[in-house]
Structure formats: C-alpha cells, structure tokens
PDB file of N, CA and C in Angstrom:
ATOM      1  N   UNK A   1      -1.319  10.290 -48.306  1.00  0.00           N
ATOM      2  CA  UNK A   1      -1.774   9.156 -47.731  1.00  0.00           C
ATOM      3  C   UNK A   1      -1.523   9.391 -46.292  1.00  0.00           C
ATOM      4  N   UNK A   2      -2.214   8.385 -45.435  1.00  0.00           N
ATOM      5  CA  UNK A   2      -2.282   8.643 -44.125  1.00  0.00           C
ATOM      6  C   UNK A   2      -1.253   7.587 -43.390  1.00  0.00           C
ATOM      7  N   UNK A   3      -1.137   6.683 -43.916  1.00  0.00           N
ATOM      8  CA  UNK A   3      -0.339   5.589 -42.876  1.00  0.00           C
ATOM      9  C   UNK A   3       0.766   4.791 -43.968  1.00  0.00           C
ATOM     10  N   UNK A   4       1.924   4.692 -43.476  1.00  0.00           N
ATOM     11  CA  UNK A   4       2.861   3.755 -44.047  1.00  0.00           C
ATOM     12  C   UNK A   4       3.615   2.872 -42.880  1.00  0.00           C
ATOM     13  N   UNK A   5       4.156   1.742 -43.633  1.00  0.00           N
ATOM     14  CA  UNK A   5       4.842   0.701 -42.400  1.00  0.00           C
ATOM     15  C   UNK A   5       6.220   0.572 -43.233  1.00  0.00           C
ATOM     16  N   UNK A   6       7.344   1.143 -42.265  1.00  0.00           N
ATOM     17  CA  UNK A   6       8.849   0.751 -42.702  1.00  0.00           C
ATOM     18  C   UNK A   6       9.124  -0.675 -41.768  1.00  0.00           C
ATOM     19  N   UNK A   7       9.714  -1.516 -42.466  1.00  0.00           N
ATOM     20  CA  UNK A   7       9.997  -2.622 -41.803  1.00  0.00           C
ATOM     21  C   UNK A   7      11.587  -2.567 -41.733  1.00  0.00           C
ATOM     22  N   UNK A   8      11.987  -3.021 -40.798  1.00  0.00           N
ATOM     23  CA  UNK A   8      13.292  -3.037 -40.320  1.00  0.00           C
ATOM     24  C   UNK A   8      13.967  -4.279 -40.996  1.00  0.00           C
ATOM     25  N   UNK A   9      12.789  -5.363 -40.830  1.00  0.00           N
ATOM     26  CA  UNK A   9      13.678  -6.756 -41.570  1.00  0.00           C
ATOM     27  C   UNK A   9      14.478  -6.551 -42.799  1.00  0.00           C
ATOM     28  N   UNK A  10      13.901  -5.474 -43.692  1.00  0.00           N
ATOM     29  CA  UNK A  10      14.400  -5.339 -44.961  1.00  0.00           C
ATOM     30  C   UNK A  10      15.683  -4.643 -44.950  1.00  0.00           C
ATOM     31  N   UNK A  11      15.771  -4.091 -43.575  1.00  0.00           N
ATOM     32  CA  UNK A  11      17.484  -3.389 -43.381  1.00  0.00           C
ATOM     33  C   UNK A  11      18.544  -3.997 -42.639  1.00  0.00           C
ATOM     34  N   UNK A  12      17.980  -5.389 -42.065  1.00  0.00           N
ATOM     35  CA  UNK A  12      19.041  -5.786 -41.217  1.00  0.00           C
ATOM     36  C   UNK A  12      19.989  -6.546 -41.873  1.00  0.00           C
ATOM     37  N   UNK A  13      21.399  -6.802 -41.491  1.00  0.00           N
ATOM     38  CA  UNK A  13      21.936  -7.609 -41.957  1.00  0.00           C
ATOM     39  C   UNK A  13      21.457  -9.050 -41.537  1.00  0.00           C
ATOM     40  N   UNK A  14      21.792 -10.049 -42.607  1.00  0.00           N
ATOM     41  CA  UNK A  14      20.975 -11.300 -42.245  1.00  0.00           C
ATOM     42  C   UNK A  14      21.810 -12.025 -41.033  1.00  0.00           C
ATOM     43  N   UNK A  15      20.908 -12.446 -40.205  1.00  0.00           N
ATOM     44  CA  UNK A  15      21.029 -13.175 -39.037  1.00  0.00           C
ATOM     45  C   UNK A  15      21.336 -12.022 -37.982  1.00  0.00           C
ATOM     46  N   UNK A  16      21.363 -10.649 -37.978  1.00  0.00           N
ATOM     47  CA  UNK A  16      21.859  -9.806 -37.033  1.00  0.00           C
ATOM     48  C   UNK A  16      20.633  -9.859 -36.048  1.00  0.00           C
ATOM     49  N   UNK A  17      21.007  -9.656 -34.671  1.00  0.00           N
ATOM     50  CA  UNK A  17      20.084  -9.511 -33.560  1.00  0.00           C
ATOM     51  C   UNK A  17      20.008  -7.905 -32.989  1.00  0.00           C
ATOM     52  N   UNK A  18      20.779  -6.884 -33.803  1.00  0.00           N
ATOM     53  CA  UNK A  18      20.914  -5.514 -33.373  1.00  0.00           C
ATOM     54  C   UNK A  18      21.055  -4.759 -34.290  1.00  0.00           C
ATOM     55  N   UNK A  19      20.725  -3.628 -34.166  1.00  0.00           N
ATOM     56  CA  UNK A  19      20.683  -2.471 -35.098  1.00  0.00           C
ATOM     57  C   UNK A  19      21.830  -1.518 -34.291  1.00  0.00           C
ATOM     58  N   UNK A  20      23.050  -1.069 -35.204  1.00  0.00           N
ATOM     59  CA  UNK A  20      23.922  -0.567 -33.928  1.00  0.00           C
ATOM     60  C   UNK A  20      24.955   0.455 -35.028  1.00  0.00           C
ATOM     61  N   UNK A  21      24.912   1.377 -34.386  1.00  0.00           N
ATOM     62  CA  UNK A  21      25.938   2.487 -34.984  1.00  0.00           C
ATOM     63  C   UNK A  21      25.368   3.497 -36.138  1.00  0.00           C
ATOM     64  N   UNK A  22      25.719   4.801 -35.942  1.00  0.00           N
ATOM     65  CA  UNK A  22      25.608   5.821 -36.737  1.00  0.00           C
ATOM     66  C   UNK A  22      25.800   5.763 -38.236  1.00  0.00           C
ATOM     67  N   UNK A  23      26.642   4.872 -38.384  1.00  0.00           N
ATOM     68  CA  UNK A  23      26.746   4.659 -40.206  1.00  0.00           C
ATOM     69  C   UNK A  23      25.570   3.937 -40.618  1.00  0.00           C
ATOM     70  N   UNK A  24      25.250   2.906 -39.595  1.00  0.00           N
ATOM     71  CA  UNK A  24      24.086   1.666 -39.988  1.00  0.00           C
ATOM     72  C   UNK A  24      22.833   2.648 -39.992  1.00  0.00           C
ATOM     73  N   UNK A  25      22.770   3.441 -39.110  1.00  0.00           N
ATOM     74  CA  UNK A  25      21.336   4.407 -39.142  1.00  0.00           C
ATOM     75  C   UNK A  25      21.417   4.983 -40.107  1.00  0.00           C
ATOM     76  N   UNK A  26      22.235   5.857 -40.852  1.00  0.00           N
ATOM     77  CA  UNK A  26      22.374   6.679 -41.821  1.00  0.00           C
ATOM     78  C   UNK A  26      22.073   5.960 -43.053  1.00  0.00           C
ATOM     79  N   UNK A  27      22.594   4.757 -43.373  1.00  0.00           N
ATOM     80  CA  UNK A  27      22.330   3.814 -44.350  1.00  0.00           C
ATOM     81  C   UNK A  27      20.763   3.317 -44.386  1.00  0.00           C
ATOM     82  N   UNK A  28      20.277   3.113 -43.425  1.00  0.00           N
ATOM     83  CA  UNK A  28      18.876   2.744 -43.496  1.00  0.00           C
ATOM     84  C   UNK A  28      18.116   3.865 -43.484  1.00  0.00           C
ATOM     85  N   UNK A  29      18.183   5.106 -42.821  1.00  0.00           N
ATOM     86  CA  UNK A  29      17.628   6.323 -43.025  1.00  0.00           C
ATOM     87  C   UNK A  29      17.287   6.449 -44.571  1.00  0.00           C
ATOM     88  N   UNK A  30      18.434   6.292 -45.486  1.00  0.00           N
ATOM     89  CA  UNK A  30      18.670   6.894 -46.907  1.00  0.00           C
ATOM     90  C   UNK A  30      17.676   5.561 -47.437  1.00  0.00           C
ATOM     91  N   UNK A  31      17.855   4.516 -47.341  1.00  0.00           N
ATOM     92  CA  UNK A  31      17.538   3.026 -47.928  1.00  0.00           C
ATOM     93  C   UNK A  31      15.796   3.222 -47.744  1.00  0.00           C
ATOM     94  N   UNK A  32      15.453   3.242 -46.595  1.00  0.00           N
ATOM     95  CA  UNK A  32      13.973   3.331 -46.517  1.00  0.00           C
ATOM     96  C   UNK A  32      13.398   4.880 -46.632  1.00  0.00           C
ATOM     97  N   UNK A  33      14.023   5.678 -47.055  1.00  0.00           N
ATOM     98  CA  UNK A  33      13.451   7.130 -47.283  1.00  0.00           C
ATOM     99  C   UNK A  33      12.519   7.491 -46.368  1.00  0.00           C
ATOM    100  N   UNK A  34      13.020   7.267 -45.144  1.00  0.00           N
ATOM    101  CA  UNK A  34      12.004   7.919 -43.905  1.00  0.00           C
ATOM    102  C   UNK A  34      12.127   9.159 -43.853  1.00  0.00           C
ATOM    103  N   UNK A  35      12.722   9.911 -44.489  1.00  0.00           N
ATOM    104  CA  UNK A  35      12.571  11.730 -44.287  1.00  0.00           C
ATOM    105  C   UNK A  35      11.626  11.888 -45.284  1.00  0.00           C
ATOM    106  N   UNK A  36      11.690  11.470 -46.724  1.00  0.00           N
ATOM    107  CA  UNK A  36      10.481  11.703 -47.513  1.00  0.00           C
ATOM    108  C   UNK A  36       9.166  10.946 -47.137  1.00  0.00           C
ATOM    109  N   UNK A  37       9.091   9.830 -46.573  1.00  0.00           N
ATOM    110  CA  UNK A  37       7.944   9.327 -45.980  1.00  0.00           C
ATOM    111  C   UNK A  37       7.402  10.102 -44.883  1.00  0.00           C
ATOM    112  N   UNK A  38       7.904  10.880 -43.917  1.00  0.00           N
ATOM    113  CA  UNK A  38       7.558  11.338 -43.124  1.00  0.00           C
ATOM    114  C   UNK A  38       6.870  12.815 -43.494  1.00  0.00           C
ATOM    115  N   UNK A  39       7.252  13.028 -44.825  1.00  0.00           N
ATOM    116  CA  UNK A  39       6.616  14.481 -45.312  1.00  0.00           C
ATOM    117  C   UNK A  39       5.079  13.947 -45.942  1.00  0.00           C
ATOM    118  N   UNK A  40       5.087  12.562 -46.362  1.00  0.00           N
ATOM    119  CA  UNK A  40       4.000  12.473 -47.095  1.00  0.00           C
ATOM    120  C   UNK A  40       2.835  11.702 -46.367  1.00  0.00           C
ATOM    121  N   UNK A  41       3.300  11.200 -45.258  1.00  0.00           N
ATOM    122  CA  UNK A  41       2.165  10.419 -44.472  1.00  0.00           C
ATOM    123  C   UNK A  41       2.132  11.304 -42.961  1.00  0.00           C
ATOM    124  N   UNK A  42       0.754  10.694 -42.599  1.00  0.00           N
ATOM    125  CA  UNK A  42       0.524  11.546 -41.111  1.00  0.00           C
ATOM    126  C   UNK A  42       1.002  10.408 -40.227  1.00  0.00           C
ATOM    127  N   UNK A  43       1.069   9.071 -40.300  1.00  0.00           N
ATOM    128  CA  UNK A  43       1.612   8.094 -39.301  1.00  0.00           C
ATOM    129  C   UNK A  43       2.537   7.323 -39.996  1.00  0.00           C
ATOM    130  N   UNK A  44       3.746   6.921 -39.261  1.00  0.00           N
ATOM    131  CA  UNK A  44       4.759   5.978 -39.470  1.00  0.00           C
ATOM    132  C   UNK A  44       4.849   5.160 -38.897  1.00  0.00           C
ATOM    133  N   UNK A  45       4.441   3.414 -39.302  1.00  0.00           N
ATOM    134  CA  UNK A  45       5.022   2.430 -38.144  1.00  0.00           C
ATOM    135  C   UNK A  45       6.052   1.797 -38.553  1.00  0.00           C
ATOM    136  N   UNK A  46       7.097   1.729 -37.666  1.00  0.00           N
ATOM    137  CA  UNK A  46       8.132   1.040 -37.546  1.00  0.00           C
ATOM    138  C   UNK A  46       8.163  -0.483 -37.017  1.00  0.00           C
ATOM    139  N   UNK A  47       8.048  -1.311 -38.118  1.00  0.00           N
ATOM    140  CA  UNK A  47       8.053  -2.766 -37.502  1.00  0.00           C
ATOM    141  C   UNK A  47       9.533  -3.317 -37.405  1.00  0.00           C
ATOM    142  N   UNK A  48       9.493  -3.692 -36.111  1.00  0.00           N
ATOM    143  CA  UNK A  48      10.979  -4.197 -35.506  1.00  0.00           C
ATOM    144  C   UNK A  48      10.836  -5.807 -35.531  1.00  0.00           C
ATOM    145  N   UNK A  49      11.903  -6.311 -36.251  1.00  0.00           N
ATOM    146  CA  UNK A  49      11.829  -7.985 -36.196  1.00  0.00           C
ATOM    147  C   UNK A  49      11.576  -8.513 -34.739  1.00  0.00           C
ATOM    148  N   UNK A  50      10.879  -9.722 -34.637  1.00  0.00           N
ATOM    149  CA  UNK A  50      10.851 -10.226 -33.502  1.00  0.00           C
ATOM    150  C   UNK A  50      12.013 -10.851 -32.911  1.00  0.00           C
ATOM    151  N   UNK A  51      12.992 -11.247 -33.443  1.00  0.00           N
ATOM    152  CA  UNK A  51      14.406 -11.584 -32.662  1.00  0.00           C
ATOM    153  C   UNK A  51      15.255 -10.428 -32.530  1.00  0.00           C
ATOM    154  N   UNK A  52      14.897  -9.302 -32.711  1.00  0.00           N
ATOM    155  CA  UNK A  52      15.893  -8.099 -32.155  1.00  0.00           C
ATOM    156  C   UNK A  52      15.961  -7.708 -31.133  1.00  0.00           C
ATOM    157  N   UNK A  53      17.195  -7.897 -30.539  1.00  0.00           N
ATOM    158  CA  UNK A  53      17.445  -7.740 -29.189  1.00  0.00           C
ATOM    159  C   UNK A  53      17.724  -6.321 -28.827  1.00  0.00           C
ATOM    160  N   UNK A  54      18.165  -5.554 -29.597  1.00  0.00           N
ATOM    161  CA  UNK A  54      18.559  -4.303 -29.211  1.00  0.00           C
ATOM    162  C   UNK A  54      18.676  -3.410 -30.435  1.00  0.00           C
ATOM    163  N   UNK A  55      18.180  -2.205 -30.274  1.00  0.00           N
ATOM    164  CA  UNK A  55      18.440  -0.944 -31.269  1.00  0.00           C
ATOM    165  C   UNK A  55      19.243   0.432 -30.896  1.00  0.00           C
ATOM    166  N   UNK A  56      20.329   0.275 -30.765  1.00  0.00           N
ATOM    167  CA  UNK A  56      21.364   1.144 -30.210  1.00  0.00           C
ATOM    168  C   UNK A  56      20.747   2.723 -30.362  1.00  0.00           C
ATOM    169  N   UNK A  57      21.076   3.549 -29.444  1.00  0.00           N
ATOM    170  CA  UNK A  57      20.598   5.058 -29.249  1.00  0.00           C
ATOM    171  C   UNK A  57      21.362   5.710 -30.811  1.00  0.00           C
ATOM    172  N   UNK A  58      22.703   5.263 -30.917  1.00  0.00           N
ATOM    173  CA  UNK A  58      23.329   5.898 -32.165  1.00  0.00           C
ATOM    174  C   UNK A  58      22.658   5.815 -33.441  1.00  0.00           C
ATOM    175  N   UNK A  59      22.230   4.306 -33.714  1.00  0.00           N
ATOM    176  CA  UNK A  59      21.740   4.304 -34.663  1.00  0.00           C
ATOM    177  C   UNK A  59      20.316   4.724 -34.634  1.00  0.00           C
ATOM    178  N   UNK A  60      19.351   5.064 -33.888  1.00  0.00           N
ATOM    179  CA  UNK A  60      18.499   5.652 -33.663  1.00  0.00           C
ATOM    180  C   UNK A  60      18.581   7.142 -33.867  1.00  0.00           C
ATOM    181  N   UNK A  61      19.706   7.774 -33.473  1.00  0.00           N
ATOM    182  CA  UNK A  61      19.947   9.046 -33.503  1.00  0.00           C
ATOM    183  C   UNK A  61      20.161   9.508 -34.893  1.00  0.00           C
ATOM    184  N   UNK A  62      20.687   8.518 -35.696  1.00  0.00           N
ATOM    185  CA  UNK A  62      21.211   8.941 -36.948  1.00  0.00           C
ATOM    186  C   UNK A  62      20.110   8.741 -37.998  1.00  0.00           C
ATOM    187  N   UNK A  63      19.494   7.844 -37.643  1.00  0.00           N
ATOM    188  CA  UNK A  63      18.096   7.231 -38.481  1.00  0.00           C
ATOM    189  C   UNK A  63      17.094   8.455 -38.246  1.00  0.00           C
ATOM    190  N   UNK A  64      16.952   9.186 -36.996  1.00  0.00           N
ATOM    191  CA  UNK A  64      15.874   9.994 -37.191  1.00  0.00           C
ATOM    192  C   UNK A  64      16.557  11.673 -36.951  1.00  0.00           C
ATOM    193  N   UNK A  65      18.017  11.781 -37.498  1.00  0.00           N
ATOM    194  CA  UNK A  65      18.685  12.786 -37.405  1.00  0.00           C
ATOM    195  C   UNK A  65      17.705  14.101 -37.836  1.00  0.00           C
ATOM    196  N   UNK A  66      16.938  13.961 -39.062  1.00  0.00           N
ATOM    197  CA  UNK A  66      16.576  15.123 -39.529  1.00  0.00           C
ATOM    198  C   UNK A  66      14.989  15.365 -38.981  1.00  0.00           C
ATOM    199  N   UNK A  67      14.388  14.143 -38.563  1.00  0.00           N
ATOM    200  CA  UNK A  67      13.168  14.599 -38.210  1.00  0.00           C
ATOM    201  C   UNK A  67      12.658  15.126 -36.798  1.00  0.00           C
ATOM    202  N   UNK A  68      13.614  14.471 -36.066  1.00  0.00           N
ATOM    203  CA  UNK A  68      13.266  14.950 -34.554  1.00  0.00           C
ATOM    204  C   UNK A  68      13.486  16.414 -34.255  1.00  0.00           C
ATOM    205  N   UNK A  69      14.335  17.235 -34.812  1.00  0.00           N
ATOM    206  CA  UNK A  69      14.388  18.548 -34.850  1.00  0.00           C
ATOM    207  C   UNK A  69      13.412  19.206 -35.577  1.00  0.00           C
ATOM    208  N   UNK A  70      12.802  18.845 -36.707  1.00  0.00           N
ATOM    209  CA  UNK A  70      11.726  19.100 -37.312  1.00  0.00           C
ATOM    210  C   UNK A  70      10.377  19.217 -36.870  1.00  0.00           C
ATOM    211  N   UNK A  71      10.550  17.974 -36.024  1.00  0.00           N
ATOM    212  CA  UNK A  71       8.977  17.609 -35.422  1.00  0.00           C
ATOM    213  C   UNK A  71       8.830  18.186 -34.261  1.00  0.00           C
ATOM    214  N   UNK A  72       9.969  18.184 -33.367  1.00  0.00           N
ATOM    215  CA  UNK A  72       9.992  18.172 -31.986  1.00  0.00           C
ATOM    216  C   UNK A  72       9.460  16.916 -31.387  1.00  0.00           C
ATOM    217  N   UNK A  73       9.788  16.748 -29.863  1.00  0.00           N
ATOM    218  CA  UNK A  73       9.726  15.384 -29.563  1.00  0.00           C
ATOM    219  C   UNK A  73       8.135  15.062 -29.479  1.00  0.00           C
ATOM    220  N   UNK A  74       7.255  15.814 -29.003  1.00  0.00           N
ATOM    221  CA  UNK A  74       5.488  15.339 -29.122  1.00  0.00           C
ATOM    222  C   UNK A  74       5.048  15.064 -30.647  1.00  0.00           C
ATOM    223  N   UNK A  75       5.579  15.786 -31.254  1.00  0.00           N
ATOM    224  CA  UNK A  75       4.759  15.639 -32.775  1.00  0.00           C
ATOM    225  C   UNK A  75       5.470  14.275 -33.278  1.00  0.00           C
ATOM    226  N   UNK A  76       6.693  14.089 -33.132  1.00  0.00           N
ATOM    227  CA  UNK A  76       7.642  12.989 -33.614  1.00  0.00           C
ATOM    228  C   UNK A  76       7.041  11.637 -32.779  1.00  0.00           C
ATOM    229  N   UNK A  77       6.627  11.686 -31.572  1.00  0.00           N
ATOM    230  CA  UNK A  77       5.997  10.360 -30.890  1.00  0.00           C
ATOM    231  C   UNK A  77       4.512  10.308 -31.238  1.00  0.00           C
ATOM    232  N   UNK A  78       3.806  11.127 -31.797  1.00  0.00           N
ATOM    233  CA  UNK A  78       2.579  11.072 -32.452  1.00  0.00           C
ATOM    234  C   UNK A  78       2.524  10.608 -33.657  1.00  0.00           C
ATOM    235  N   UNK A  79       3.706  10.976 -34.477  1.00  0.00           N
ATOM    236  CA  UNK A  79       3.956  10.315 -36.037  1.00  0.00           C
ATOM    237  C   UNK A  79       4.320   8.994 -35.922  1.00  0.00           C
ATOM    238  N   UNK A  80       4.975   8.733 -35.115  1.00  0.00           N
ATOM    239  CA  UNK A  80       6.188   7.242 -35.276  1.00  0.00           C
ATOM    240  C   UNK A  80       5.436   6.259 -34.140  1.00  0.00           C
ATOM    241  N   UNK A  81       5.220   5.272 -34.861  1.00  0.00           N
ATOM    242  CA  UNK A  81       4.621   4.227 -33.979  1.00  0.00           C
ATOM    243  C   UNK A  81       5.440   2.929 -33.970  1.00  0.00           C
ATOM    244  N   UNK A  82       6.095   2.230 -33.204  1.00  0.00           N
ATOM    245  CA  UNK A  82       6.891   1.158 -33.211  1.00  0.00           C
ATOM    246  C   UNK A  82       6.403  -0.297 -32.682  1.00  0.00           C
ATOM    247  N   UNK A  83       6.298  -1.431 -33.672  1.00  0.00           N
ATOM    248  CA  UNK A  83       5.770  -2.235 -33.216  1.00  0.00           C
ATOM    249  C   UNK A  83       6.514  -3.596 -33.484  1.00  0.00           C
ATOM    250  N   UNK A  84       6.659  -4.491 -32.236  1.00  0.00           N
ATOM    251  CA  UNK A  84       7.427  -5.686 -32.247  1.00  0.00           C
ATOM    252  C   UNK A  84       6.643  -6.939 -31.724  1.00  0.00           C
ATOM    253  N   UNK A  85       7.230  -7.892 -31.385  1.00  0.00           N
ATOM    254  CA  UNK A  85       6.769  -9.112 -30.709  1.00  0.00           C
ATOM    255  C   UNK A  85       6.783  -8.677 -28.941  1.00  0.00           C
ATOM    256  N   UNK A  86       6.999  -7.596 -28.595  1.00  0.00           N
ATOM    257  CA  UNK A  86       7.409  -7.302 -27.071  1.00  0.00           C
ATOM    258  C   UNK A  86       8.484  -7.758 -26.484  1.00  0.00           C
ATOM    259  N   UNK A  87       9.486  -8.529 -27.055  1.00  0.00           N
ATOM    260  CA  UNK A  87      10.572  -8.886 -26.755  1.00  0.00           C
ATOM    261  C   UNK A  87      11.726  -8.044 -26.563  1.00  0.00           C
ATOM    262  N   UNK A  88      11.803  -6.942 -27.239  1.00  0.00           N
ATOM    263  CA  UNK A  88      12.341  -5.864 -27.475  1.00  0.00           C
ATOM    264  C   UNK A  88      11.713  -4.451 -27.220  1.00  0.00           C
ATOM    265  N   UNK A  89      11.860  -3.651 -25.835  1.00  0.00           N
ATOM    266  CA  UNK A  89      11.443  -2.523 -25.677  1.00  0.00           C
ATOM    267  C   UNK A  89      12.038  -1.184 -26.298  1.00  0.00           C
ATOM    268  N   UNK A  90      12.004  -0.666 -26.792  1.00  0.00           N
ATOM    269  CA  UNK A  90      12.576   0.433 -27.656  1.00  0.00           C
ATOM    270  C   UNK A  90      12.380   1.615 -27.217  1.00  0.00           C
ATOM    271  N   UNK A  91      11.637   2.051 -25.897  1.00  0.00           N
ATOM    272  CA  UNK A  91      11.173   3.493 -25.725  1.00  0.00           C
ATOM    273  C   UNK A  91      12.758   3.725 -24.710  1.00  0.00           C
ATOM    274  N   UNK A  92      13.512   3.214 -23.754  1.00  0.00           N
ATOM    275  CA  UNK A  92      14.415   3.794 -23.421  1.00  0.00           C
ATOM    276  C   UNK A  92      15.609   4.042 -24.227  1.00  0.00           C
ATOM    277  N   UNK A  93      15.664   3.239 -25.182  1.00  0.00           N
ATOM    278  CA  UNK A  93      16.670   3.472 -26.541  1.00  0.00           C
ATOM    279  C   UNK A  93      16.240   4.833 -27.354  1.00  0.00           C
ATOM    280  N   UNK A  94      15.204   4.704 -27.673  1.00  0.00           N
ATOM    281  CA  UNK A  94      14.330   5.747 -28.443  1.00  0.00           C
ATOM    282  C   UNK A  94      14.573   7.356 -27.687  1.00  0.00           C
ATOM    283  N   UNK A  95      14.082   7.241 -26.259  1.00  0.00           N
ATOM    284  CA  UNK A  95      14.203   8.521 -25.841  1.00  0.00           C
ATOM    285  C   UNK A  95      15.691   9.127 -25.270  1.00  0.00           C
ATOM    286  N   UNK A  96      16.452   8.192 -25.608  1.00  0.00           N
ATOM    287  CA  UNK A  96      17.956   8.716 -25.263  1.00  0.00           C
ATOM    288  C   UNK A  96      18.240   9.479 -26.560  1.00  0.00           C
ATOM    289  N   UNK A  97      17.928   8.622 -27.628  1.00  0.00           N
ATOM    290  CA  UNK A  97      18.342   9.005 -28.997  1.00  0.00           C
ATOM    291  C   UNK A  97      17.641  10.562 -29.239  1.00  0.00           C
ATOM    292  N   UNK A  98      16.524  10.560 -28.727  1.00  0.00           N
ATOM    293  CA  UNK A  98      15.690  12.045 -29.006  1.00  0.00           C
ATOM    294  C   UNK A  98      16.476  12.946 -28.283  1.00  0.00           C
ATOM    295  N   UNK A  99      16.731  12.866 -26.792  1.00  0.00           N
ATOM    296  CA  UNK A  99      17.261  13.633 -25.957  1.00  0.00           C
ATOM    297  C   UNK A  99      18.542  14.426 -26.447  1.00  0.00           C
ATOM    298  N   UNK A 100      19.303  13.238 -26.950  1.00  0.00           N
ATOM    299  CA  UNK A 100      20.688  13.601 -27.558  1.00  0.00           C
ATOM    300  C   UNK A 100      20.608  14.260 -28.700  1.00  0.00           C
ATOM    301  N   UNK A 101      19.658  14.052 -29.826  1.00  0.00           N
ATOM    302  CA  UNK A 101      19.466  15.061 -30.807  1.00  0.00           C
ATOM    303  C   UNK A 101      19.020  16.485 -30.118  1.00  0.00           C
ATOM    304  N   UNK A 102      18.167  16.361 -29.555  1.00  0.00           N
ATOM    305  CA  UNK A 102      17.582  17.625 -29.062  1.00  0.00           C
ATOM    306  C   UNK A 102      18.710  18.632 -28.439  1.00  0.00           C
ATOM    307  N   UNK A 103      19.384  17.854 -27.652  1.00  0.00           N
ATOM    308  CA  UNK A 103      20.695  18.731 -26.979  1.00  0.00           C
ATOM    309  C   UNK A 103      21.544  19.133 -28.089  1.00  0.00           C
ATOM    310  N   UNK A 104      21.855  18.632 -29.265  1.00  0.00           N
ATOM    311  CA  UNK A 104      22.877  18.964 -29.859  1.00  0.00           C
ATOM    312  C   UNK A 104      22.159  20.061 -30.741  1.00  0.00           C
ATOM    313  N   UNK A 105      20.922  20.363 -30.969  1.00  0.00           N
ATOM    314  CA  UNK A 105      20.126  21.254 -31.621  1.00  0.00           C
ATOM    315  C   UNK A 105      20.354  22.550 -30.792  1.00  0.00           C
ATOM    316  N   UNK A 106      20.032  22.254 -29.534  1.00  0.00           N
ATOM    317  CA  UNK A 106      19.820  23.467 -28.646  1.00  0.00           C
ATOM    318  C   UNK A 106      21.559  24.196 -28.113  1.00  0.00           C
ATOM    319  N   UNK A 107      22.350  23.248 -28.371  1.00  0.00           N
ATOM    320  CA  UNK A 107      23.850  23.558 -28.186  1.00  0.00           C
ATOM    321  C   UNK A 107      24.598  24.361 -29.604  1.00  0.00           C
ATOM    322  N   UNK A 108      23.674  24.436 -30.711  1.00  0.00           N
ATOM    323  CA  UNK A 108      23.983  24.711 -31.828  1.00  0.00           C
ATOM    324  C   UNK A 108      23.147  25.856 -32.008  1.00  0.00           C
ATOM    325  N   UNK A 109      22.208  26.291 -31.021  1.00  0.00           N
ATOM    326  CA  UNK A 109      21.343  27.672 -31.416  1.00  0.00           C
ATOM    327  C   UNK A 109      21.990  28.938 -30.626  1.00  0.00           C
TER     328      UNK A 109
END
C-alpha cells in the first residue's frame, strides 16, 4: 500500500492539549504500530488534532526511535507528513527530536 494515516486523536488522553514524555511516546508507538506501518507503506501522514498546543521532542524522540536511524533524516522527512489546522507547528520540535536521535546513534558508533 502506498499511504496510511495515523490519527493522534486516537492516542491522546481525553482533554489533553499536549503529547509529552518518552513513556507516552513509546506507548503510542506500540499502539499505533508505526514501525510496522512504515515498513508496509511508502507514505505516512500523522494527523495532529487541531487543538493540540505542543508535541514534546521527548515524545517524538521515543515515537520515532527506531525509524529515524533506519531511514535517516531525509528519507524520514519524505516518508512522513504531518497535518493539522495550522495552530501548532511541529517542525522545531520534530527537528530537535531527529537531531537528538541521530546524535545518540553517532555517539554509539
């Protein structure tokens, strides 16, 4: 299959305005099956609920923990698309998470 959507609405705590923390990122990674979906689909869209104010880099770091080292930054950014109602801009938090993951990978090499 070419494309799949992961809707973060399904994984947020009722009423929450943020996704935060490594533990929550790991839980959502497991529940959404993002690792499996990434191996089965060319493109993945992450739908961010319109009233979300922030997605913490630590959450993203754990959510994408396996995928960023596997794909590298450029392929990751081509494979994953993020959509919302333009209230929250994920780019800064996402880039910080990507950089953290890649720094850890280089430190271990």
